[in-house]
Protein backbone atom coordinates (compact mmCIF):
# COMPACT_ATOMS: atom_id res chain seq x y z
CA MET A 1 0.00 0.00 0.00
CA ALA A 2 2.49 2.55 -1.21
CA ASP A 3 1.89 6.30 -0.97
CA GLU A 4 -1.36 5.93 0.99
CA GLU A 5 -2.55 7.88 4.02
CA PHE A 6 -3.30 6.07 7.27
CA ASP A 7 -4.67 7.34 10.57
CA VAL A 8 -2.11 6.39 13.23
CA TYR A 9 -2.66 6.59 16.98
CA ILE A 10 0.10 5.65 19.42
CA GLU A 11 0.14 5.95 23.19
CA ASP A 12 2.59 4.75 25.82
CA THR A 13 1.67 2.62 28.83
CA ASP A 14 1.23 5.77 30.94
CA GLY A 15 -1.53 6.93 28.58
CA ASN A 16 0.55 9.68 26.97
CA VAL A 17 -0.37 10.19 23.32
CA VAL A 18 2.79 9.94 21.21
CA LEU A 19 1.11 10.31 17.81
CA ASP A 20 -2.45 10.97 16.65
CA ASP A 21 -2.23 12.00 13.02
CA ALA A 22 -2.56 10.98 9.40
CA VAL A 23 0.68 9.46 8.11
CA LYS A 24 1.52 8.68 4.49
CA THR A 25 3.37 5.50 3.60
CA GLY A 26 6.51 5.69 1.53
CA SER A 27 6.98 4.25 -1.93
CA ASN A 28 7.86 0.94 -0.24
CA GLY A 29 4.51 0.83 1.60
CA PHE A 30 6.03 1.31 5.06
CA ILE A 31 5.35 3.99 7.64
CA ASP A 32 8.57 5.41 9.05
CA LEU A 33 8.21 6.24 12.75
CA TRP A 34 10.66 7.10 15.49
CA LEU A 35 9.63 6.10 19.01
CA PRO A 36 11.60 6.65 22.24
CA ARG A 37 13.57 3.62 23.45
CA ASP A 38 12.77 1.36 26.39
CA LYS A 39 9.01 1.76 26.30
CA THR A 40 5.90 -0.19 25.32
CA TYR A 41 3.25 1.36 23.08
CA LYS A 42 -0.32 0.68 22.01
CA VAL A 43 -0.65 1.28 18.27
CA LYS A 44 -3.84 1.65 16.22
CA ILE A 45 -3.75 2.11 12.44
CA GLU A 46 -6.82 2.74 10.27
CA ASN A 47 -7.34 2.95 6.51
CA GLY A 48 -10.41 2.49 4.32
CA GLY A 49 -12.63 1.28 7.17
CA LYS A 50 -10.10 -1.36 8.23
CA THR A 51 -8.18 -1.29 11.51
CA VAL A 52 -5.28 -3.01 13.21
CA GLU A 53 -4.28 -2.67 16.85
CA SER A 54 -1.09 -3.98 18.38
CA GLU A 55 1.36 -3.50 21.20
CA ILE A 56 4.98 -2.84 20.30
CA SER A 57 8.04 -2.06 22.36
CA THR A 58 11.40 -0.42 21.82
CA PHE A 59 13.69 -2.26 24.22
CA GLU A 60 17.22 -3.28 23.20
CA LYS A 61 16.29 -6.77 21.94
CA ASP A 62 13.14 -5.65 20.09
CA GLY A 63 12.94 -5.56 16.32
CA THR A 64 13.03 -2.24 14.54
CA CYS A 65 10.90 -3.26 11.56
CA ILE A 66 7.36 -4.38 12.39
CA THR A 67 5.80 -6.31 9.51
CA THR A 68 3.12 -8.29 11.33
CA MET A 69 0.36 -5.65 11.60
CA GLN A 70 -2.38 -6.41 9.06
CA LEU A 71 -5.51 -4.32 8.47
CA MET A 72 -8.71 -6.29 8.99
């Protein structure tokens, strides 16, 4: 889904909203985000009436490329 706009909502475990905005994917179909290290986040992404929600974290051993979130 290259060059498409998605509504992205991210909050940390303390309930602080990190991002609540429309984000456009790059030509490779990925959304490029920077999140502070050593935290866990709730992520919700919406596009075309479809939604995906997931929890991701940014600790040292965590992956930096999340490819498992699929809109349903």
